[in-house]
PDB file of N, CA and C in Angstrom:
ATOM      1  N   MET A   1       0.852  -1.173   0.000  1.00  0.00           N
ATOM      2  CA  MET A   1       0.000   0.000   0.000  1.00  0.00           C
ATOM      3  C   MET A   1       0.894   1.231   0.000  1.00  0.00           C
ATOM      4  N   LYS A   2       0.827   1.985  -1.052  1.00  0.00           N
ATOM      5  CA  LYS A   2       1.650   3.173  -1.158  1.00  0.00           C
ATOM      6  C   LYS A   2       0.800   4.389  -0.819  1.00  0.00           C
ATOM      7  N   ILE A   3       1.249   5.106   0.194  1.00  0.00           N
ATOM      8  CA  ILE A   3       0.545   6.320   0.615  1.00  0.00           C
ATOM      9  C   ILE A   3       1.387   7.505   0.167  1.00  0.00           C
ATOM     10  N   GLU A   4       0.776   8.362  -0.609  1.00  0.00           N
ATOM     11  CA  GLU A   4       1.507   9.483  -1.181  1.00  0.00           C
ATOM     12  C   GLU A   4       1.708  10.624  -0.193  1.00  0.00           C
ATOM     13  N   SER A   5       0.796  10.774   0.737  1.00  0.00           N
ATOM     14  CA  SER A   5       0.803  11.928   1.614  1.00  0.00           C
ATOM     15  C   SER A   5       1.355  11.589   2.993  1.00  0.00           C
ATOM     16  N   ARG A   6       1.874  12.608   3.673  1.00  0.00           N
ATOM     17  CA  ARG A   6       2.320  12.451   5.050  1.00  0.00           C
ATOM     18  C   ARG A   6       1.304  13.035   6.026  1.00  0.00           C
ATOM     19  N   GLN A   7       0.213  13.549   5.504  1.00  0.00           N
ATOM     20  CA  GLN A   7      -0.800  14.147   6.381  1.00  0.00           C
ATOM     21  C   GLN A   7      -1.494  13.062   7.205  1.00  0.00           C
ATOM     22  N   PRO A   8      -1.618  13.261   8.518  1.00  0.00           N
ATOM     23  CA  PRO A   8      -2.227  12.235   9.368  1.00  0.00           C
ATOM     24  C   PRO A   8      -3.632  11.840   8.936  1.00  0.00           C
ATOM     25  N   ARG A   9      -4.440  12.795   8.481  1.00  0.00           N
ATOM     26  CA  ARG A   9      -5.807  12.441   8.098  1.00  0.00           C
ATOM     27  C   ARG A   9      -5.815  11.522   6.890  1.00  0.00           C
ATOM     28  N   LYS A  10      -4.887  11.715   5.963  1.00  0.00           N
ATOM     29  CA  LYS A  10      -4.828  10.852   4.786  1.00  0.00           C
ATOM     30  C   LYS A  10      -4.201   9.496   5.121  1.00  0.00           C
ATOM     31  N   GLN A  11      -3.303   9.475   6.101  1.00  0.00           N
ATOM     32  CA  GLN A  11      -2.756   8.209   6.577  1.00  0.00           C
ATOM     33  C   GLN A  11      -3.874   7.365   7.200  1.00  0.00           C
ATOM     34  N   ARG A  12      -4.696   7.999   8.052  1.00  0.00           N
ATOM     35  CA  ARG A  12      -5.811   7.289   8.683  1.00  0.00           C
ATOM     36  C   ARG A  12      -6.807   6.806   7.645  1.00  0.00           C
ATOM     37  N   LYS A  13      -7.108   7.655   6.666  1.00  0.00           N
ATOM     38  CA  LYS A  13      -8.066   7.291   5.627  1.00  0.00           C
ATOM     39  C   LYS A  13      -7.552   6.105   4.818  1.00  0.00           C
ATOM     40  N   ALA A  14      -6.264   6.089   4.509  1.00  0.00           N
ATOM     41  CA  ALA A  14      -5.689   4.986   3.735  1.00  0.00           C
ATOM     42  C   ALA A  14      -5.769   3.678   4.518  1.00  0.00           C
ATOM     43  N   ARG A  15      -5.502   3.731   5.831  1.00  0.00           N
ATOM     44  CA  ARG A  15      -5.613   2.526   6.660  1.00  0.00           C
ATOM     45  C   ARG A  15      -7.060   2.061   6.742  1.00  0.00           C
ATOM     46  N   TYR A  16      -7.983   2.987   6.893  1.00  0.00           N
ATOM     47  CA  TYR A  16      -9.393   2.651   7.030  1.00  0.00           C
ATOM     48  C   TYR A  16      -9.944   2.031   5.749  1.00  0.00           C
ATOM     49  N   ASN A  17      -9.514   2.533   4.592  1.00  0.00           N
ATOM     50  CA  ASN A  17     -10.037   2.071   3.308  1.00  0.00           C
ATOM     51  C   ASN A  17      -9.191   0.979   2.669  1.00  0.00           C
ATOM     52  N   ALA A  18      -8.174   0.492   3.356  1.00  0.00           N
ATOM     53  CA  ALA A  18      -7.288  -0.514   2.780  1.00  0.00           C
ATOM     54  C   ALA A  18      -8.035  -1.827   2.562  1.00  0.00           C
ATOM     55  N   SER A  19      -7.674  -2.524   1.484  1.00  0.00           N
ATOM     56  CA  SER A  19      -8.261  -3.840   1.231  1.00  0.00           C
ATOM     57  C   SER A  19      -7.603  -4.871   2.141  1.00  0.00           C
ATOM     58  N   LEU A  20      -8.186  -6.063   2.226  1.00  0.00           N
ATOM     59  CA  LEU A  20      -7.705  -7.063   3.171  1.00  0.00           C
ATOM     60  C   LEU A  20      -6.273  -7.506   2.893  1.00  0.00           C
ATOM     61  N   HIS A  21      -5.885  -7.616   1.620  1.00  0.00           N
ATOM     62  CA  HIS A  21      -4.508  -8.028   1.357  1.00  0.00           C
ATOM     63  C   HIS A  21      -3.518  -6.921   1.719  1.00  0.00           C
ATOM     64  N   GLN A  22      -3.950  -5.669   1.692  1.00  0.00           N
ATOM     65  CA  GLN A  22      -3.098  -4.569   2.142  1.00  0.00           C
ATOM     66  C   GLN A  22      -3.053  -4.509   3.664  1.00  0.00           C
ATOM     67  N   ARG A  23      -4.170  -4.840   4.312  1.00  0.00           N
ATOM     68  CA  ARG A  23      -4.218  -4.831   5.772  1.00  0.00           C
ATOM     69  C   ARG A  23      -3.292  -5.876   6.369  1.00  0.00           C
ATOM     70  N   GLN A  24      -3.088  -6.988   5.661  1.00  0.00           N
ATOM     71  CA  GLN A  24      -2.185  -8.024   6.149  1.00  0.00           C
ATOM     72  C   GLN A  24      -0.783  -7.460   6.337  1.00  0.00           C
ATOM     73  N   LYS A  25      -0.370  -6.609   5.429  1.00  0.00           N
ATOM     74  CA  LYS A  25       0.954  -5.994   5.524  1.00  0.00           C
ATOM     75  C   LYS A  25       0.996  -4.977   6.672  1.00  0.00           C
ATOM     76  N   LEU A  26      -0.133  -4.324   6.938  1.00  0.00           N
ATOM     77  CA  LEU A  26      -0.200  -3.356   8.028  1.00  0.00           C
ATOM     78  C   LEU A  26      -0.151  -4.039   9.399  1.00  0.00           C
ATOM     79  N   MET A  27      -0.355  -5.356   9.435  1.00  0.00           N
ATOM     80  CA  MET A  27      -0.353  -6.111  10.690  1.00  0.00           C
ATOM     81  C   MET A  27       1.050  -6.593  11.046  1.00  0.00           C
ATOM     82  N   SER A  28       2.075  -5.904  10.608  1.00  0.00           N
ATOM     83  CA  SER A  28       3.451  -6.313  10.866  1.00  0.00           C
ATOM     84  C   SER A  28       3.934  -5.808  12.212  1.00  0.00           C
ATOM     85  N   ALA A  29       4.822  -6.601  12.816  1.00  0.00           N
ATOM     86  CA  ALA A  29       5.458  -6.236  14.081  1.00  0.00           C
ATOM     87  C   ALA A  29       6.952  -6.496  13.939  1.00  0.00           C
ATOM     88  N   GLN A  30       7.741  -5.768  14.709  1.00  0.00           N
ATOM     89  CA  GLN A  30       9.185  -5.952  14.639  1.00  0.00           C
ATOM     90  C   GLN A  30       9.592  -7.296  15.223  1.00  0.00           C
ATOM     91  N   LEU A  31      10.716  -7.803  14.753  1.00  0.00           N
ATOM     92  CA  LEU A  31      11.253  -9.062  15.254  1.00  0.00           C
ATOM     93  C   LEU A  31      12.219  -8.788  16.388  1.00  0.00           C
ATOM     94  N   GLY A  32      12.351  -9.744  17.311  1.00  0.00           N
ATOM     95  CA  GLY A  32      13.331  -9.648  18.375  1.00  0.00           C
ATOM     96  C   GLY A  32      14.738  -9.697  17.797  1.00  0.00           C
ATOM     97  N   SER A  33      15.736  -9.309  18.588  1.00  0.00           N
ATOM     98  CA  SER A  33      17.100  -9.190  18.074  1.00  0.00           C
ATOM     99  C   SER A  33      17.654 -10.521  17.567  1.00  0.00           C
ATOM    100  N   GLU A  34      17.352 -11.653  18.259  1.00  0.00           N
ATOM    101  CA  GLU A  34      17.859 -12.950  17.805  1.00  0.00           C
ATOM    102  C   GLU A  34      17.224 -13.337  16.473  1.00  0.00           C
ATOM    103  N   LEU A  35      15.907 -13.142  16.361  1.00  0.00           N
ATOM    104  CA  LEU A  35      15.212 -13.470  15.112  1.00  0.00           C
ATOM    105  C   LEU A  35      15.657 -12.558  13.979  1.00  0.00           C
ATOM    106  N   ARG A  36      15.905 -11.310  14.302  1.00  0.00           N
ATOM    107  CA  ARG A  36      16.349 -10.346  13.295  1.00  0.00           C
ATOM    108  C   ARG A  36      17.702 -10.764  12.726  1.00  0.00           C
ATOM    109  N   ALA A  37      18.604 -11.201  13.614  1.00  0.00           N
ATOM    110  CA  ALA A  37      19.927 -11.637  13.170  1.00  0.00           C
ATOM    111  C   ALA A  37      19.839 -12.949  12.388  1.00  0.00           C
ATOM    112  N   LYS A  38      18.971 -13.856  12.832  1.00  0.00           N
ATOM    113  CA  LYS A  38      18.861 -15.174  12.200  1.00  0.00           C
ATOM    114  C   LYS A  38      18.272 -15.102  10.800  1.00  0.00           C
ATOM    115  N   TYR A  39      17.190 -14.322  10.639  1.00  0.00           N
ATOM    116  CA  TYR A  39      16.468 -14.294   9.371  1.00  0.00           C
ATOM    117  C   TYR A  39      16.787 -13.081   8.510  1.00  0.00           C
ATOM    118  N   ASN A  40      17.575 -12.152   9.020  1.00  0.00           N
ATOM    119  CA  ASN A  40      17.955 -10.957   8.266  1.00  0.00           C
ATOM    120  C   ASN A  40      16.731 -10.164   7.803  1.00  0.00           C
ATOM    121  N   LYS A  41      15.733 -10.101   8.666  1.00  0.00           N
ATOM    122  CA  LYS A  41      14.518  -9.320   8.413  1.00  0.00           C
ATOM    123  C   LYS A  41      14.227  -8.472   9.640  1.00  0.00           C
ATOM    124  N   ARG A  42      13.613  -7.328   9.420  1.00  0.00           N
ATOM    125  CA  ARG A  42      13.322  -6.406  10.507  1.00  0.00           C
ATOM    126  C   ARG A  42      11.937  -6.645  11.100  1.00  0.00           C
ATOM    127  N   ASN A  43      10.949  -6.955  10.242  1.00  0.00           N
ATOM    128  CA  ASN A  43       9.589  -7.188  10.727  1.00  0.00           C
ATOM    129  C   ASN A  43       8.875  -8.219   9.868  1.00  0.00           C
ATOM    130  N   LEU A  44       7.808  -8.763  10.425  1.00  0.00           N
ATOM    131  CA  LEU A  44       6.969  -9.748   9.740  1.00  0.00           C
ATOM    132  C   LEU A  44       5.528  -9.544  10.184  1.00  0.00           C
ATOM    133  N   PRO A  45       4.564  -9.918   9.341  1.00  0.00           N
ATOM    134  CA  PRO A  45       3.174  -9.874   9.794  1.00  0.00           C
ATOM    135  C   PRO A  45       2.946 -10.854  10.942  1.00  0.00           C
ATOM    136  N   VAL A  46       2.179 -10.434  11.932  1.00  0.00           N
ATOM    137  CA  VAL A  46       1.877 -11.268  13.092  1.00  0.00           C
ATOM    138  C   VAL A  46       0.885 -12.345  12.662  1.00  0.00           C
ATOM    139  N   LYS A  47       1.133 -13.578  13.101  1.00  0.00           N
ATOM    140  CA  LYS A  47       0.240 -14.698  12.787  1.00  0.00           C
ATOM    141  C   LYS A  47      -0.236 -15.345  14.075  1.00  0.00           C
ATOM    142  N   LEU A  48      -1.307 -16.081  13.980  1.00  0.00           N
ATOM    143  CA  LEU A  48      -1.853 -16.826  15.102  1.00  0.00           C
ATOM    144  C   LEU A  48      -0.812 -17.822  15.611  1.00  0.00           C
ATOM    145  N   GLY A  49      -0.562 -17.823  16.905  1.00  0.00           N
ATOM    146  CA  GLY A  49       0.396 -18.757  17.484  1.00  0.00           C
ATOM    147  C   GLY A  49       1.772 -18.167  17.735  1.00  0.00           C
ATOM    148  N   ASP A  50       2.089 -17.012  17.165  1.00  0.00           N
ATOM    149  CA  ASP A  50       3.365 -16.356  17.455  1.00  0.00           C
ATOM    150  C   ASP A  50       3.416 -15.968  18.922  1.00  0.00           C
ATOM    151  N   THR A  51       4.614 -15.950  19.489  1.00  0.00           N
ATOM    152  CA  THR A  51       4.791 -15.437  20.843  1.00  0.00           C
ATOM    153  C   THR A  51       5.298 -14.009  20.720  1.00  0.00           C
ATOM    154  N   VAL A  52       4.614 -13.082  21.371  1.00  0.00           N
ATOM    155  CA  VAL A  52       4.972 -11.667  21.265  1.00  0.00           C
ATOM    156  C   VAL A  52       5.145 -11.060  22.651  1.00  0.00           C
ATOM    157  N   MET A  53       5.892  -9.960  22.693  1.00  0.00           N
ATOM    158  CA  MET A  53       6.043  -9.200  23.929  1.00  0.00           C
ATOM    159  C   MET A  53       5.473  -7.804  23.686  1.00  0.00           C
ATOM    160  N   VAL A  54       4.608  -7.363  24.596  1.00  0.00           N
ATOM    161  CA  VAL A  54       3.998  -6.041  24.477  1.00  0.00           C
ATOM    162  C   VAL A  54       5.045  -4.998  24.862  1.00  0.00           C
ATOM    163  N   MET A  55       5.227  -3.991  24.013  1.00  0.00           N
ATOM    164  CA  MET A  55       6.269  -2.993  24.218  1.00  0.00           C
ATOM    165  C   MET A  55       5.725  -1.640  24.674  1.00  0.00           C
ATOM    166  N   ARG A  56       4.417  -1.427  24.532  1.00  0.00           N
ATOM    167  CA  ARG A  56       3.828  -0.140  24.877  1.00  0.00           C
ATOM    168  C   ARG A  56       2.545  -0.342  25.673  1.00  0.00           C
ATOM    169  N   GLY A  57       2.196   0.653  26.471  1.00  0.00           N
ATOM    170  CA  GLY A  57       0.920   0.624  27.177  1.00  0.00           C
ATOM    171  C   GLY A  57       1.020   0.066  28.584  1.00  0.00           C
ATOM    172  N   ASP A  58      -0.133  -0.203  29.167  1.00  0.00           N
ATOM    173  CA  ASP A  58      -0.212  -0.675  30.551  1.00  0.00           C
ATOM    174  C   ASP A  58       0.367  -2.073  30.730  1.00  0.00           C
ATOM    175  N   HIS A  59       0.420  -2.857  29.670  1.00  0.00           N
ATOM    176  CA  HIS A  59       0.874  -4.244  29.766  1.00  0.00           C
ATOM    177  C   HIS A  59       2.293  -4.420  29.230  1.00  0.00           C
ATOM    178  N   THR A  60       3.104  -3.379  29.303  1.00  0.00           N
ATOM    179  CA  THR A  60       4.479  -3.433  28.809  1.00  0.00           C
ATOM    180  C   THR A  60       5.238  -4.571  29.483  1.00  0.00           C
ATOM    181  N   GLY A  61       5.945  -5.365  28.672  1.00  0.00           N
ATOM    182  CA  GLY A  61       6.738  -6.466  29.202  1.00  0.00           C
ATOM    183  C   GLY A  61       5.994  -7.781  29.273  1.00  0.00           C
ATOM    184  N   THR A  62       4.685  -7.775  29.054  1.00  0.00           N
ATOM    185  CA  THR A  62       3.910  -9.009  29.083  1.00  0.00           C
ATOM    186  C   THR A  62       4.194  -9.814  27.818  1.00  0.00           C
ATOM    187  N   GLU A  63       4.492 -11.095  28.014  1.00  0.00           N
ATOM    188  CA  GLU A  63       4.768 -11.968  26.880  1.00  0.00           C
ATOM    189  C   GLU A  63       3.694 -13.039  26.822  1.00  0.00           C
ATOM    190  N   GLY A  64       3.187 -13.317  25.630  1.00  0.00           N
ATOM    191  CA  GLY A  64       2.156 -14.328  25.473  1.00  0.00           C
ATOM    192  C   GLY A  64       1.957 -14.684  24.020  1.00  0.00           C
ATOM    193  N   LYS A  65       1.161 -15.734  23.804  1.00  0.00           N
ATOM    194  CA  LYS A  65       0.863 -16.173  22.441  1.00  0.00           C
ATOM    195  C   LYS A  65      -0.263 -15.331  21.859  1.00  0.00           C
ATOM    196  N   VAL A  66      -0.229 -15.178  20.543  1.00  0.00           N
ATOM    197  CA  VAL A  66      -1.284 -14.459  19.834  1.00  0.00           C
ATOM    198  C   VAL A  66      -2.482 -15.398  19.705  1.00  0.00           C
ATOM    199  N   GLU A  67      -3.622 -14.991  20.255  1.00  0.00           N
ATOM    200  CA  GLU A  67      -4.831 -15.808  20.231  1.00  0.00           C
ATOM    201  C   GLU A  67      -5.757 -15.431  19.081  1.00  0.00           C
ATOM    202  N   LEU A  68      -5.680 -14.173  18.614  1.00  0.00           N
ATOM    203  CA  LEU A  68      -6.580 -13.710  17.557  1.00  0.00           C
ATOM    204  C   LEU A  68      -5.896 -12.612  16.767  1.00  0.00           C
ATOM    205  N   VAL A  69      -6.042 -12.668  15.448  1.00  0.00           N
ATOM    206  CA  VAL A  69      -5.578 -11.594  14.574  1.00  0.00           C
ATOM    207  C   VAL A  69      -6.798 -11.101  13.822  1.00  0.00           C
ATOM    208  N   ASP A  70      -7.182  -9.858  14.049  1.00  0.00           N
ATOM    209  CA  ASP A  70      -8.375  -9.287  13.444  1.00  0.00           C
ATOM    210  C   ASP A  70      -7.963  -8.252  12.403  1.00  0.00           C
ATOM    211  N   LEU A  71      -7.996  -8.649  11.127  1.00  0.00           N
ATOM    212  CA  LEU A  71      -7.603  -7.736  10.046  1.00  0.00           C
ATOM    213  C   LEU A  71      -8.594  -6.586   9.908  1.00  0.00           C
ATOM    214  N   LYS A  72      -9.849  -6.870  10.118  1.00  0.00           N
ATOM    215  CA  LYS A  72     -10.886  -5.840   9.939  1.00  0.00           C
ATOM    216  C   LYS A  72     -10.667  -4.672  10.899  1.00  0.00           C
ATOM    217  N   ARG A  73     -10.371  -4.987  12.174  1.00  0.00           N
ATOM    218  CA  ARG A  73     -10.168  -3.933  13.166  1.00  0.00           C
ATOM    219  C   ARG A  73      -8.703  -3.532  13.314  1.00  0.00           C
ATOM    220  N   GLY A  74      -7.791  -4.316  12.763  1.00  0.00           N
ATOM    221  CA  GLY A  74      -6.373  -3.991  12.829  1.00  0.00           C
ATOM    222  C   GLY A  74      -5.758  -4.217  14.199  1.00  0.00           C
ATOM    223  N   ILE A  75      -6.252  -5.244  14.918  1.00  0.00           N
ATOM    224  CA  ILE A  75      -5.757  -5.504  16.270  1.00  0.00           C
ATOM    225  C   ILE A  75      -5.420  -6.988  16.418  1.00  0.00           C
ATOM    226  N   ILE A  76      -4.670  -7.287  17.492  1.00  0.00           N
ATOM    227  CA  ILE A  76      -4.418  -8.670  17.869  1.00  0.00           C
ATOM    228  C   ILE A  76      -4.796  -8.835  19.335  1.00  0.00           C
ATOM    229  N   ILE A  77      -5.111 -10.068  19.717  1.00  0.00           N
ATOM    230  CA  ILE A  77      -5.392 -10.407  21.110  1.00  0.00           C
ATOM    231  C   ILE A  77      -4.253 -11.296  21.586  1.00  0.00           C
ATOM    232  N   VAL A  78      -3.616 -10.899  22.697  1.00  0.00           N
ATOM    233  CA  VAL A  78      -2.477 -11.622  23.241  1.00  0.00           C
ATOM    234  C   VAL A  78      -2.892 -12.295  24.546  1.00  0.00           C
ATOM    235  N   GLU A  79      -2.489 -13.546  24.700  1.00  0.00           N
ATOM    236  CA  GLU A  79      -2.776 -14.302  25.915  1.00  0.00           C
ATOM    237  C   GLU A  79      -2.143 -13.606  27.120  1.00  0.00           C
ATOM    238  N   GLY A  80      -2.913 -13.373  28.154  1.00  0.00           N
ATOM    239  CA  GLY A  80      -2.408 -12.732  29.365  1.00  0.00           C
ATOM    240  C   GLY A  80      -2.581 -11.224  29.400  1.00  0.00           C
ATOM    241  N   VAL A  81      -3.044 -10.632  28.314  1.00  0.00           N
ATOM    242  CA  VAL A  81      -3.279  -9.188  28.280  1.00  0.00           C
ATOM    243  C   VAL A  81      -4.787  -8.977  28.371  1.00  0.00           C
ATOM    244  N   SER A  82      -5.252  -8.599  29.579  1.00  0.00           N
ATOM    245  CA  SER A  82      -6.680  -8.418  29.780  1.00  0.00           C
ATOM    246  C   SER A  82      -6.920  -7.301  30.786  1.00  0.00           C
ATOM    247  N   VAL A  83      -8.155  -6.825  30.816  1.00  0.00           N
ATOM    248  CA  VAL A  83      -8.553  -5.797  31.768  1.00  0.00           C
ATOM    249  C   VAL A  83      -9.808  -6.280  32.497  1.00  0.00           C
ATOM    250  N   ALA A  84     -10.004  -5.784  33.701  1.00  0.00           N
ATOM    251  CA  ALA A  84     -11.171  -6.160  34.490  1.00  0.00           C
ATOM    252  C   ALA A  84     -12.306  -5.185  34.207  1.00  0.00           C
ATOM    253  N   LYS A  85     -13.487  -5.739  33.993  1.00  0.00           N
ATOM    254  CA  LYS A  85     -14.671  -4.915  33.814  1.00  0.00           C
ATOM    255  C   LYS A  85     -15.202  -4.515  35.186  1.00  0.00           C
ATOM    256  N   ALA A  86     -16.185  -3.658  35.218  1.00  0.00           N
ATOM    257  CA  ALA A  86     -16.746  -3.168  36.470  1.00  0.00           C
ATOM    258  C   ALA A  86     -17.344  -4.295  37.309  1.00  0.00           C
ATOM    259  N   ASP A  87     -17.864  -5.328  36.635  1.00  0.00           N
ATOM    260  CA  ASP A  87     -18.457  -6.448  37.385  1.00  0.00           C
ATOM    261  C   ASP A  87     -17.422  -7.509  37.768  1.00  0.00           C
ATOM    262  N   GLY A  88     -16.155  -7.281  37.452  1.00  0.00           N
ATOM    263  CA  GLY A  88     -15.090  -8.176  37.872  1.00  0.00           C
ATOM    264  C   GLY A  88     -14.651  -9.190  36.840  1.00  0.00           C
ATOM    265  N   THR A  89     -15.362  -9.292  35.736  1.00  0.00           N
ATOM    266  CA  THR A  89     -14.960 -10.258  34.709  1.00  0.00           C
ATOM    267  C   THR A  89     -13.773  -9.721  33.918  1.00  0.00           C
ATOM    268  N   GLU A  90     -12.917 -10.634  33.488  1.00  0.00           N
ATOM    269  CA  GLU A  90     -11.739 -10.272  32.700  1.00  0.00           C
ATOM    270  C   GLU A  90     -12.073 -10.370  31.224  1.00  0.00           C
ATOM    271  N   VAL A  91     -11.734  -9.338  30.475  1.00  0.00           N
ATOM    272  CA  VAL A  91     -11.916  -9.349  29.021  1.00  0.00           C
ATOM    273  C   VAL A  91     -10.567  -9.068  28.363  1.00  0.00           C
ATOM    274  N   PRO A  92     -10.299  -9.690  27.203  1.00  0.00           N
ATOM    275  CA  PRO A  92      -9.015  -9.456  26.534  1.00  0.00           C
ATOM    276  C   PRO A  92      -8.879  -8.009  26.070  1.00  0.00           C
ATOM    277  N   ARG A  93      -7.683  -7.482  26.171  1.00  0.00           N
ATOM    278  CA  ARG A  93      -7.396  -6.109  25.766  1.00  0.00           C
ATOM    279  C   ARG A  93      -6.768  -6.131  24.382  1.00  0.00           C
ATOM    280  N   PRO A  94      -7.412  -5.540  23.369  1.00  0.00           N
ATOM    281  CA  PRO A  94      -6.834  -5.516  22.027  1.00  0.00           C
ATOM    282  C   PRO A  94      -5.527  -4.712  22.008  1.00  0.00           C
ATOM    283  N   VAL A  95      -4.579  -5.176  21.209  1.00  0.00           N
ATOM    284  CA  VAL A  95      -3.277  -4.523  21.089  1.00  0.00           C
ATOM    285  C   VAL A  95      -2.996  -4.306  19.614  1.00  0.00           C
ATOM    286  N   GLN A  96      -2.445  -3.161  19.270  1.00  0.00           N
ATOM    287  CA  GLN A  96      -2.044  -2.931  17.888  1.00  0.00           C
ATOM    288  C   GLN A  96      -0.721  -3.632  17.616  1.00  0.00           C
ATOM    289  N   PRO A  97      -0.565  -4.232  16.446  1.00  0.00           N
ATOM    290  CA  PRO A  97       0.650  -4.986  16.147  1.00  0.00           C
ATOM    291  C   PRO A  97       1.919  -4.132  16.175  1.00  0.00           C
ATOM    292  N   SER A  98       1.802  -2.852  15.946  1.00  0.00           N
ATOM    293  CA  SER A  98       2.984  -1.993  15.975  1.00  0.00           C
ATOM    294  C   SER A  98       3.520  -1.826  17.390  1.00  0.00           C
ATOM    295  N   ASN A  99       2.726  -2.217  18.393  1.00  0.00           N
ATOM    296  CA  ASN A  99       3.133  -2.069  19.786  1.00  0.00           C
ATOM    297  C   ASN A  99       3.655  -3.357  20.400  1.00  0.00           C
ATOM    298  N   VAL A 100       3.919  -4.359  19.577  1.00  0.00           N
ATOM    299  CA  VAL A 100       4.461  -5.616  20.086  1.00  0.00           C
ATOM    300  C   VAL A 100       5.737  -5.971  19.335  1.00  0.00           C
ATOM    301  N   MET A 101       6.502  -6.905  19.926  1.00  0.00           N
ATOM    302  CA  MET A 101       7.703  -7.422  19.288  1.00  0.00           C
ATOM    303  C   MET A 101       7.585  -8.945  19.264  1.00  0.00           C
ATOM    304  N   ILE A 102       7.824  -9.537  18.109  1.00  0.00           N
ATOM    305  CA  ILE A 102       7.735 -10.989  17.974  1.00  0.00           C
ATOM    306  C   ILE A 102       8.993 -11.611  18.569  1.00  0.00           C
ATOM    307  N   THR A 103       8.799 -12.510  19.544  1.00  0.00           N
ATOM    308  CA  THR A 103       9.941 -13.160  20.182  1.00  0.00           C
ATOM    309  C   THR A 103      10.099 -14.609  19.728  1.00  0.00           C
ATOM    310  N   LYS A 104       9.004 -15.244  19.286  1.00  0.00           N
ATOM    311  CA  LYS A 104       9.082 -16.623  18.797  1.00  0.00           C
ATOM    312  C   LYS A 104       8.088 -16.775  17.664  1.00  0.00           C
ATOM    313  N   LEU A 105       8.536 -17.340  16.539  1.00  0.00           N
ATOM    314  CA  LEU A 105       7.691 -17.477  15.361  1.00  0.00           C
ATOM    315  C   LEU A 105       6.985 -18.825  15.332  1.00  0.00           C
ATOM    316  N   GLU A 106       5.788 -18.827  14.777  1.00  0.00           N
ATOM    317  CA  GLU A 106       5.044 -20.058  14.499  1.00  0.00           C
ATOM    318  C   GLU A 106       5.404 -20.451  13.068  1.00  0.00           C
ATOM    319  N   LEU A 107       6.157 -21.554  12.911  1.00  0.00           N
ATOM    320  CA  LEU A 107       6.686 -21.921  11.593  1.00  0.00           C
ATOM    321  C   LEU A 107       5.957 -23.099  10.963  1.00  0.00           C
ATOM    322  N   ASP A 108       4.692 -23.342  11.331  1.00  0.00           N
ATOM    323  CA  ASP A 108       3.924 -24.421  10.724  1.00  0.00           C
ATOM    324  C   ASP A 108       3.443 -24.056   9.317  1.00  0.00           C
ATOM    325  N   ASP A 109       3.467 -22.799   8.987  1.00  0.00           N
ATOM    326  CA  ASP A 109       2.931 -22.314   7.720  1.00  0.00           C
ATOM    327  C   ASP A 109       4.017 -22.346   6.641  1.00  0.00           C
ATOM    328  N   ASP A 110       3.721 -22.998   5.499  1.00  0.00           N
ATOM    329  CA  ASP A 110       4.695 -23.087   4.402  1.00  0.00           C
ATOM    330  C   ASP A 110       4.982 -21.725   3.792  1.00  0.00           C
ATOM    331  N   ILE A 111       3.964 -20.866   3.725  1.00  0.00           N
ATOM    332  CA  ILE A 111       4.138 -19.541   3.138  1.00  0.00           C
ATOM    333  C   ILE A 111       5.112 -18.716   3.970  1.00  0.00           C
ATOM    334  N   ARG A 112       5.009 -18.818   5.287  1.00  0.00           N
ATOM    335  CA  ARG A 112       5.911 -18.066   6.157  1.00  0.00           C
ATOM    336  C   ARG A 112       7.347 -18.570   5.999  1.00  0.00           C
ATOM    337  N   LYS A 113       7.524 -19.888   5.870  1.00  0.00           N
ATOM    338  CA  LYS A 113       8.865 -20.434   5.660  1.00  0.00           C
ATOM    339  C   LYS A 113       9.469 -19.900   4.371  1.00  0.00           C
ATOM    340  N   LEU A 114       8.660 -19.837   3.314  1.00  0.00           N
ATOM    341  CA  LEU A 114       9.147 -19.287   2.045  1.00  0.00           C
ATOM    342  C   LEU A 114       9.524 -17.818   2.190  1.00  0.00           C
ATOM    343  N   THR A 115       8.727 -17.075   2.941  1.00  0.00           N
ATOM    344  CA  THR A 115       9.003 -15.663   3.169  1.00  0.00           C
ATOM    345  C   THR A 115      10.329 -15.482   3.887  1.00  0.00           C
ATOM    346  N   LEU A 116      10.590 -16.316   4.889  1.00  0.00           N
ATOM    347  CA  LEU A 116      11.837 -16.207   5.639  1.00  0.00           C
ATOM    348  C   LEU A 116      13.030 -16.673   4.820  1.00  0.00           C
ATOM    349  N   ASP A 117      12.830 -17.658   3.952  1.00  0.00           N
ATOM    350  CA  ASP A 117      13.928 -18.159   3.124  1.00  0.00           C
ATOM    351  C   ASP A 117      14.378 -17.150   2.076  1.00  0.00           C
ATOM    352  N   ARG A 118      13.478 -16.255   1.695  1.00  0.00           N
ATOM    353  CA  ARG A 118      13.840 -15.243   0.701  1.00  0.00           C
ATOM    354  C   ARG A 118      14.969 -14.349   1.207  1.00  0.00           C
ATOM    355  N   GLY A 119      15.026 -14.146   2.523  1.00  0.00           N
ATOM    356  CA  GLY A 119      16.070 -13.287   3.093  1.00  0.00           C
ATOM    357  C   GLY A 119      15.721 -11.837   2.920  1.00  0.00           C
ATOM    358  N   GLY A 120      16.344 -11.003   3.712  1.00  0.00           N
ATOM    359  CA  GLY A 120      16.056  -9.573   3.656  1.00  0.00           C
ATOM    360  C   GLY A 120      17.082  -8.846   2.827  1.00  0.00           C
ATOM    361  N   GLU A 121      16.616  -7.860   2.119  1.00  0.00           N
ATOM    362  CA  GLU A 121      17.522  -7.012   1.337  1.00  0.00           C
ATOM    363  C   GLU A 121      17.780  -5.706   2.075  1.00  0.00           C
ATOM    364  N   GLU A 122      17.568  -5.700   3.375  1.00  0.00           N
ATOM    365  CA  GLU A 122      17.669  -4.462   4.148  1.00  0.00           C
ATOM    366  C   GLU A 122      19.079  -4.212   4.587  1.00  0.00           C
TER     367      GLU A 122
END
């Protein structure tokens, strides 16, 4: 998805109107230092089953598996990241993928293996 403008309103509009295959790319998170060195890539799209560490917000430092990736809303749900409602029940707290770091990859997917084998040109 190529955005021509740097204006925040046009950035938001482009994210809001992005198609699903473009949103997949927007769901990228940075890789941990070991993974970055191993695969020669800086970031990858977050997938179900990845282990991530929250880097921003109230749950900074929390590490857990990705339980849900919602392309429509642009959020992920991480195991162990939840908030208490007024009645005491715990509900998962949505996290934006840009606020997490991938610490362990789920490599069951053939497409992801091919992506990592390509290597980074960065």
